[in-house]
Amino acid sequence: MNGNEPHPTRSGGVQLAKPLLTAEQVATLLGIPRSSVYDYARRKHEPIPSLQIGRHRRFVQDDIERWLRRQRAA
């Protein structure tokens, strides 16, 4: 690996084989405004799963996909 490629690392139970997504990327995937992604991530009932890294919020794509399946089933 050359350092620019994602490396599957296990840290605290999080698999980093895929890069973390930004709110902008999640907004594009869901077709909603970026501000809505932040609002959904902060809500108390069924929030979009996210990680707070310092002052940055990041999203794991597999978590987003699971969340969407639960929303669809509801």
PDB file of N, CA and C in Angstrom:
ATOM      1  N   MET A   1       0.836  -1.175   0.000  1.00  0.00           N
ATOM      2  CA  MET A   1       0.000   0.000   0.000  1.00  0.00           C
ATOM      3  C   MET A   1       0.883   1.241   0.000  1.00  0.00           C
ATOM      4  N   ASN A   2       0.423   2.281  -0.657  1.00  0.00           N
ATOM      5  CA  ASN A   2       1.253   3.464  -0.814  1.00  0.00           C
ATOM      6  C   ASN A   2       0.910   4.601   0.142  1.00  0.00           C
ATOM      7  N   GLY A   3       0.038   4.382   1.100  1.00  0.00           N
ATOM      8  CA  GLY A   3      -0.324   5.418   2.043  1.00  0.00           C
ATOM      9  C   GLY A   3      -1.523   6.233   1.603  1.00  0.00           C
ATOM     10  N   ASN A   4      -1.852   6.224   0.314  1.00  0.00           N
ATOM     11  CA  ASN A   4      -3.023   6.939  -0.188  1.00  0.00           C
ATOM     12  C   ASN A   4      -4.247   6.040  -0.278  1.00  0.00           C
ATOM     13  N   GLU A   5      -4.037   4.752  -0.195  1.00  0.00           N
ATOM     14  CA  GLU A   5      -5.140   3.803  -0.289  1.00  0.00           C
ATOM     15  C   GLU A   5      -5.680   3.521   1.106  1.00  0.00           C
ATOM     16  N   PRO A   6      -7.028   3.313   1.213  1.00  0.00           N
ATOM     17  CA  PRO A   6      -7.548   2.941   2.527  1.00  0.00           C
ATOM     18  C   PRO A   6      -6.989   1.603   2.957  1.00  0.00           C
ATOM     19  N   HIS A   7      -6.642   1.505   4.202  1.00  0.00           N
ATOM     20  CA  HIS A   7      -6.059   0.278   4.728  1.00  0.00           C
ATOM     21  C   HIS A   7      -7.006  -0.325   5.747  1.00  0.00           C
ATOM     22  N   PRO A   8      -7.378  -1.593   5.574  1.00  0.00           N
ATOM     23  CA  PRO A   8      -8.288  -2.189   6.556  1.00  0.00           C
ATOM     24  C   PRO A   8      -7.614  -2.288   7.923  1.00  0.00           C
ATOM     25  N   THR A   9      -7.998  -1.411   8.816  1.00  0.00           N
ATOM     26  CA  THR A   9      -7.440  -1.354  10.154  1.00  0.00           C
ATOM     27  C   THR A   9      -8.554  -1.562  11.151  1.00  0.00           C
ATOM     28  N   ARG A  10      -8.262  -2.284  12.202  1.00  0.00           N
ATOM     29  CA  ARG A  10      -9.273  -2.514  13.220  1.00  0.00           C
ATOM     30  C   ARG A  10      -8.908  -1.662  14.437  1.00  0.00           C
ATOM     31  N   SER A  11      -9.775  -0.729  14.763  1.00  0.00           N
ATOM     32  CA  SER A  11      -9.527   0.156  15.901  1.00  0.00           C
ATOM     33  C   SER A  11     -10.840   0.382  16.622  1.00  0.00           C
ATOM     34  N   GLY A  12     -10.961  -0.134  17.835  1.00  0.00           N
ATOM     35  CA  GLY A  12     -12.179   0.067  18.594  1.00  0.00           C
ATOM     36  C   GLY A  12     -13.402  -0.567  17.953  1.00  0.00           C
ATOM     37  N   GLY A  13     -13.210  -1.632  17.187  1.00  0.00           N
ATOM     38  CA  GLY A  13     -14.335  -2.310  16.558  1.00  0.00           C
ATOM     39  C   GLY A  13     -14.810  -1.656  15.271  1.00  0.00           C
ATOM     40  N   VAL A  14     -14.138  -0.639  14.792  1.00  0.00           N
ATOM     41  CA  VAL A  14     -14.524   0.028  13.549  1.00  0.00           C
ATOM     42  C   VAL A  14     -13.608  -0.456  12.438  1.00  0.00           C
ATOM     43  N   GLN A  15     -14.197  -0.945  11.371  1.00  0.00           N
ATOM     44  CA  GLN A  15     -13.436  -1.413  10.212  1.00  0.00           C
ATOM     45  C   GLN A  15     -13.250  -0.243   9.258  1.00  0.00           C
ATOM     46  N   LEU A  16     -12.015   0.122   8.981  1.00  0.00           N
ATOM     47  CA  LEU A  16     -11.743   1.277   8.132  1.00  0.00           C
ATOM     48  C   LEU A  16     -11.312   0.870   6.725  1.00  0.00           C
ATOM     49  N   ALA A  17     -11.905  -0.185   6.193  1.00  0.00           N
ATOM     50  CA  ALA A  17     -11.587  -0.600   4.833  1.00  0.00           C
ATOM     51  C   ALA A  17     -12.137   0.401   3.819  1.00  0.00           C
ATOM     52  N   LYS A  18     -13.222   1.084   4.174  1.00  0.00           N
ATOM     53  CA  LYS A  18     -13.808   2.118   3.316  1.00  0.00           C
ATOM     54  C   LYS A  18     -13.586   3.465   4.002  1.00  0.00           C
ATOM     55  N   PRO A  19     -13.397   4.513   3.217  1.00  0.00           N
ATOM     56  CA  PRO A  19     -13.225   5.830   3.842  1.00  0.00           C
ATOM     57  C   PRO A  19     -14.524   6.289   4.500  1.00  0.00           C
ATOM     58  N   LEU A  20     -14.392   7.078   5.555  1.00  0.00           N
ATOM     59  CA  LEU A  20     -15.554   7.661   6.201  1.00  0.00           C
ATOM     60  C   LEU A  20     -16.153   8.712   5.282  1.00  0.00           C
ATOM     61  N   LEU A  21     -17.458   8.893   5.359  1.00  0.00           N
ATOM     62  CA  LEU A  21     -18.150   9.860   4.515  1.00  0.00           C
ATOM     63  C   LEU A  21     -18.343  11.177   5.257  1.00  0.00           C
ATOM     64  N   THR A  22     -18.330  12.254   4.516  1.00  0.00           N
ATOM     65  CA  THR A  22     -18.655  13.572   5.072  1.00  0.00           C
ATOM     66  C   THR A  22     -20.163  13.774   4.987  1.00  0.00           C
ATOM     67  N   ALA A  23     -20.664  14.784   5.669  1.00  0.00           N
ATOM     68  CA  ALA A  23     -22.087  15.117   5.599  1.00  0.00           C
ATOM     69  C   ALA A  23     -22.476  15.471   4.167  1.00  0.00           C
ATOM     70  N   GLU A  24     -21.588  16.126   3.451  1.00  0.00           N
ATOM     71  CA  GLU A  24     -21.861  16.486   2.054  1.00  0.00           C
ATOM     72  C   GLU A  24     -22.037  15.229   1.196  1.00  0.00           C
ATOM     73  N   GLN A  25     -21.187  14.236   1.405  1.00  0.00           N
ATOM     74  CA  GLN A  25     -21.305  12.989   0.641  1.00  0.00           C
ATOM     75  C   GLN A  25     -22.598  12.249   0.984  1.00  0.00           C
ATOM     76  N   VAL A  26     -22.951  12.227   2.271  1.00  0.00           N
ATOM     77  CA  VAL A  26     -24.200  11.578   2.682  1.00  0.00           C
ATOM     78  C   VAL A  26     -25.393  12.324   2.081  1.00  0.00           C
ATOM     79  N   ALA A  27     -25.339  13.651   2.096  1.00  0.00           N
ATOM     80  CA  ALA A  27     -26.415  14.447   1.513  1.00  0.00           C
ATOM     81  C   ALA A  27     -26.599  14.126   0.037  1.00  0.00           C
ATOM     82  N   THR A  28     -25.507  13.983  -0.673  1.00  0.00           N
ATOM     83  CA  THR A  28     -25.572  13.636  -2.096  1.00  0.00           C
ATOM     84  C   THR A  28     -26.190  12.250  -2.278  1.00  0.00           C
ATOM     85  N   LEU A  29     -25.749  11.284  -1.466  1.00  0.00           N
ATOM     86  CA  LEU A  29     -26.303   9.925  -1.560  1.00  0.00           C
ATOM     87  C   LEU A  29     -27.801   9.900  -1.301  1.00  0.00           C
ATOM     88  N   LEU A  30     -28.254  10.678  -0.309  1.00  0.00           N
ATOM     89  CA  LEU A  30     -29.661  10.656   0.081  1.00  0.00           C
ATOM     90  C   LEU A  30     -30.515  11.659  -0.683  1.00  0.00           C
ATOM     91  N   GLY A  31     -29.869  12.573  -1.401  1.00  0.00           N
ATOM     92  CA  GLY A  31     -30.617  13.585  -2.151  1.00  0.00           C
ATOM     93  C   GLY A  31     -31.307  14.594  -1.250  1.00  0.00           C
ATOM     94  N   ILE A  32     -30.635  14.955  -0.146  1.00  0.00           N
ATOM     95  CA  ILE A  32     -31.186  15.918   0.801  1.00  0.00           C
ATOM     96  C   ILE A  32     -30.130  16.982   1.081  1.00  0.00           C
ATOM     97  N   PRO A  33     -30.537  18.115   1.650  1.00  0.00           N
ATOM     98  CA  PRO A  33     -29.541  19.141   1.985  1.00  0.00           C
ATOM     99  C   PRO A  33     -28.575  18.668   3.073  1.00  0.00           C
ATOM    100  N   ARG A  34     -27.370  19.194   3.028  1.00  0.00           N
ATOM    101  CA  ARG A  34     -26.361  18.852   4.022  1.00  0.00           C
ATOM    102  C   ARG A  34     -26.833  19.216   5.427  1.00  0.00           C
ATOM    103  N   SER A  35     -27.537  20.336   5.562  1.00  0.00           N
ATOM    104  CA  SER A  35     -28.040  20.743   6.880  1.00  0.00           C
ATOM    105  C   SER A  35     -28.998  19.705   7.449  1.00  0.00           C
ATOM    106  N   SER A  36     -29.763  19.047   6.597  1.00  0.00           N
ATOM    107  CA  SER A  36     -30.681  17.995   7.059  1.00  0.00           C
ATOM    108  C   SER A  36     -29.909  16.786   7.578  1.00  0.00           C
ATOM    109  N   VAL A  37     -28.788  16.473   6.948  1.00  0.00           N
ATOM    110  CA  VAL A  37     -27.959  15.359   7.422  1.00  0.00           C
ATOM    111  C   VAL A  37     -27.512  15.644   8.855  1.00  0.00           C
ATOM    112  N   TYR A  38     -27.038  16.865   9.110  1.00  0.00           N
ATOM    113  CA  TYR A  38     -26.624  17.236  10.466  1.00  0.00           C
ATOM    114  C   TYR A  38     -27.805  17.181  11.436  1.00  0.00           C
ATOM    115  N   ASP A  39     -28.965  17.673  10.999  1.00  0.00           N
ATOM    116  CA  ASP A  39     -30.159  17.640  11.854  1.00  0.00           C
ATOM    117  C   ASP A  39     -30.537  16.202  12.196  1.00  0.00           C
ATOM    118  N   TYR A  40     -30.556  15.323  11.206  1.00  0.00           N
ATOM    119  CA  TYR A  40     -30.908  13.916  11.443  1.00  0.00           C
ATOM    120  C   TYR A  40     -29.874  13.223  12.334  1.00  0.00           C
ATOM    121  N   ALA A  41     -28.621  13.603  12.215  1.00  0.00           N
ATOM    122  CA  ALA A  41     -27.575  12.992  13.040  1.00  0.00           C
ATOM    123  C   ALA A  41     -27.696  13.408  14.506  1.00  0.00           C
ATOM    124  N   ARG A  42     -28.268  14.591  14.760  1.00  0.00           N
ATOM    125  CA  ARG A  42     -28.393  15.089  16.134  1.00  0.00           C
ATOM    126  C   ARG A  42     -29.724  14.751  16.794  1.00  0.00           C
ATOM    127  N   ARG A  43     -30.691  14.266  16.031  1.00  0.00           N
ATOM    128  CA  ARG A  43     -32.002  14.039  16.632  1.00  0.00           C
ATOM    129  C   ARG A  43     -31.968  12.885  17.625  1.00  0.00           C
ATOM    130  N   LYS A  44     -32.910  12.893  18.551  1.00  0.00           N
ATOM    131  CA  LYS A  44     -32.947  11.899  19.635  1.00  0.00           C
ATOM    132  C   LYS A  44     -33.509  10.560  19.160  1.00  0.00           C
ATOM    133  N   HIS A  45     -34.544  10.579  18.319  1.00  0.00           N
ATOM    134  CA  HIS A  45     -35.204   9.347  17.885  1.00  0.00           C
ATOM    135  C   HIS A  45     -34.650   8.895  16.534  1.00  0.00           C
ATOM    136  N   GLU A  46     -34.052   7.734  16.500  1.00  0.00           N
ATOM    137  CA  GLU A  46     -33.494   7.128  15.286  1.00  0.00           C
ATOM    138  C   GLU A  46     -32.610   8.089  14.486  1.00  0.00           C
ATOM    139  N   PRO A  47     -31.546   8.581  15.096  1.00  0.00           N
ATOM    140  CA  PRO A  47     -30.643   9.475  14.351  1.00  0.00           C
ATOM    141  C   PRO A  47     -29.863   8.721  13.278  1.00  0.00           C
ATOM    142  N   ILE A  48     -29.407   9.447  12.279  1.00  0.00           N
ATOM    143  CA  ILE A  48     -28.465   8.867  11.320  1.00  0.00           C
ATOM    144  C   ILE A  48     -27.197   8.569  12.118  1.00  0.00           C
ATOM    145  N   PRO A  49     -26.698   7.327  12.071  1.00  0.00           N
ATOM    146  CA  PRO A  49     -25.482   7.007  12.830  1.00  0.00           C
ATOM    147  C   PRO A  49     -24.286   7.803  12.314  1.00  0.00           C
ATOM    148  N   SER A  50     -23.536   8.356  13.255  1.00  0.00           N
ATOM    149  CA  SER A  50     -22.366   9.147  12.872  1.00  0.00           C
ATOM    150  C   SER A  50     -21.319   9.076  13.975  1.00  0.00           C
ATOM    151  N   LEU A  51     -20.133   9.518  13.620  1.00  0.00           N
ATOM    152  CA  LEU A  51     -19.014   9.589  14.558  1.00  0.00           C
ATOM    153  C   LEU A  51     -18.615  11.044  14.694  1.00  0.00           C
ATOM    154  N   GLN A  52     -18.410  11.483  15.920  1.00  0.00           N
ATOM    155  CA  GLN A  52     -17.909  12.829  16.149  1.00  0.00           C
ATOM    156  C   GLN A  52     -16.398  12.710  16.368  1.00  0.00           C
ATOM    157  N   ILE A  53     -15.625  13.287  15.483  1.00  0.00           N
ATOM    158  CA  ILE A  53     -14.162  13.251  15.566  1.00  0.00           C
ATOM    159  C   ILE A  53     -13.710  14.694  15.744  1.00  0.00           C
ATOM    160  N   GLY A  54     -13.450  15.055  16.995  1.00  0.00           N
ATOM    161  CA  GLY A  54     -13.170  16.462  17.281  1.00  0.00           C
ATOM    162  C   GLY A  54     -14.403  17.268  16.947  1.00  0.00           C
ATOM    163  N   ARG A  55     -14.258  18.260  16.100  1.00  0.00           N
ATOM    164  CA  ARG A  55     -15.430  19.041  15.698  1.00  0.00           C
ATOM    165  C   ARG A  55     -16.006  18.583  14.353  1.00  0.00           C
ATOM    166  N   HIS A  56     -15.513  17.465  13.859  1.00  0.00           N
ATOM    167  CA  HIS A  56     -15.967  16.929  12.569  1.00  0.00           C
ATOM    168  C   HIS A  56     -16.913  15.754  12.783  1.00  0.00           C
ATOM    169  N   ARG A  57     -17.941  15.672  11.969  1.00  0.00           N
ATOM    170  CA  ARG A  57     -18.868  14.549  12.012  1.00  0.00           C
ATOM    171  C   ARG A  57     -18.630  13.721  10.752  1.00  0.00           C
ATOM    172  N   ARG A  58     -18.467  12.405  10.942  1.00  0.00           N
ATOM    173  CA  ARG A  58     -18.244  11.497   9.815  1.00  0.00           C
ATOM    174  C   ARG A  58     -19.218  10.341   9.903  1.00  0.00           C
ATOM    175  N   PHE A  59     -19.417   9.673   8.773  1.00  0.00           N
ATOM    176  CA  PHE A  59     -20.427   8.640   8.646  1.00  0.00           C
ATOM    177  C   PHE A  59     -19.807   7.387   8.021  1.00  0.00           C
ATOM    178  N   VAL A  60     -20.214   6.223   8.518  1.00  0.00           N
ATOM    179  CA  VAL A  60     -19.778   4.938   7.979  1.00  0.00           C
ATOM    180  C   VAL A  60     -20.862   4.483   7.005  1.00  0.00           C
ATOM    181  N   GLN A  61     -20.478   4.214   5.769  1.00  0.00           N
ATOM    182  CA  GLN A  61     -21.457   3.905   4.739  1.00  0.00           C
ATOM    183  C   GLN A  61     -22.333   2.708   5.111  1.00  0.00           C
ATOM    184  N   ASP A  62     -21.746   1.659   5.673  1.00  0.00           N
ATOM    185  CA  ASP A  62     -22.541   0.486   6.071  1.00  0.00           C
ATOM    186  C   ASP A  62     -23.589   0.863   7.115  1.00  0.00           C
ATOM    187  N   ASP A  63     -23.241   1.757   8.039  1.00  0.00           N
ATOM    188  CA  ASP A  63     -24.206   2.215   9.052  1.00  0.00           C
ATOM    189  C   ASP A  63     -25.351   2.985   8.408  1.00  0.00           C
ATOM    190  N   ILE A  64     -25.028   3.820   7.432  1.00  0.00           N
ATOM    191  CA  ILE A  64     -26.057   4.584   6.715  1.00  0.00           C
ATOM    192  C   ILE A  64     -27.001   3.629   5.988  1.00  0.00           C
ATOM    193  N   GLU A  65     -26.446   2.612   5.340  1.00  0.00           N
ATOM    194  CA  GLU A  65     -27.276   1.635   4.616  1.00  0.00           C
ATOM    195  C   GLU A  65     -28.196   0.874   5.560  1.00  0.00           C
ATOM    196  N   ARG A  66     -27.699   0.477   6.744  1.00  0.00           N
ATOM    197  CA  ARG A  66     -28.545  -0.202   7.747  1.00  0.00           C
ATOM    198  C   ARG A  66     -29.649   0.728   8.240  1.00  0.00           C
ATOM    199  N   TRP A  67     -29.302   1.977   8.481  1.00  0.00           N
ATOM    200  CA  TRP A  67     -30.269   2.970   8.938  1.00  0.00           C
ATOM    201  C   TRP A  67     -31.379   3.146   7.900  1.00  0.00           C
ATOM    202  N   LEU A  68     -30.995   3.212   6.626  1.00  0.00           N
ATOM    203  CA  LEU A  68     -31.989   3.352   5.556  1.00  0.00           C
ATOM    204  C   LEU A  68     -32.919   2.143   5.484  1.00  0.00           C
ATOM    205  N   ARG A  69     -32.370   0.946   5.662  1.00  0.00           N
ATOM    206  CA  ARG A  69     -33.220  -0.258   5.666  1.00  0.00           C
ATOM    207  C   ARG A  69     -34.238  -0.210   6.795  1.00  0.00           C
ATOM    208  N   ARG A  70     -33.813   0.260   7.985  1.00  0.00           N
ATOM    209  CA  ARG A  70     -34.750   0.388   9.120  1.00  0.00           C
ATOM    210  C   ARG A  70     -35.820   1.429   8.822  1.00  0.00           C
ATOM    211  N   GLN A  71     -35.428   2.538   8.173  1.00  0.00           N
ATOM    212  CA  GLN A  71     -36.401   3.573   7.839  1.00  0.00           C
ATOM    213  C   GLN A  71     -37.427   3.045   6.833  1.00  0.00           C
ATOM    214  N   ARG A  72     -36.943   2.274   5.899  1.00  0.00           N
ATOM    215  CA  ARG A  72     -37.835   1.711   4.871  1.00  0.00           C
ATOM    216  C   ARG A  72     -38.808   0.698   5.467  1.00  0.00           C
ATOM    217  N   ALA A  73     -38.338  -0.076   6.438  1.00  0.00           N
ATOM    218  CA  ALA A  73     -39.179  -1.104   7.060  1.00  0.00           C
ATOM    219  C   ALA A  73     -40.236  -0.500   7.994  1.00  0.00           C
ATOM    220  N   ALA A  74     -39.963   0.705   8.488  1.00  0.00           N
ATOM    221  CA  ALA A  74     -40.880   1.334   9.464  1.00  0.00           C
ATOM    222  C   ALA A  74     -42.175   1.817   8.844  1.00  0.00           C
TER     223      ALA A  74
END
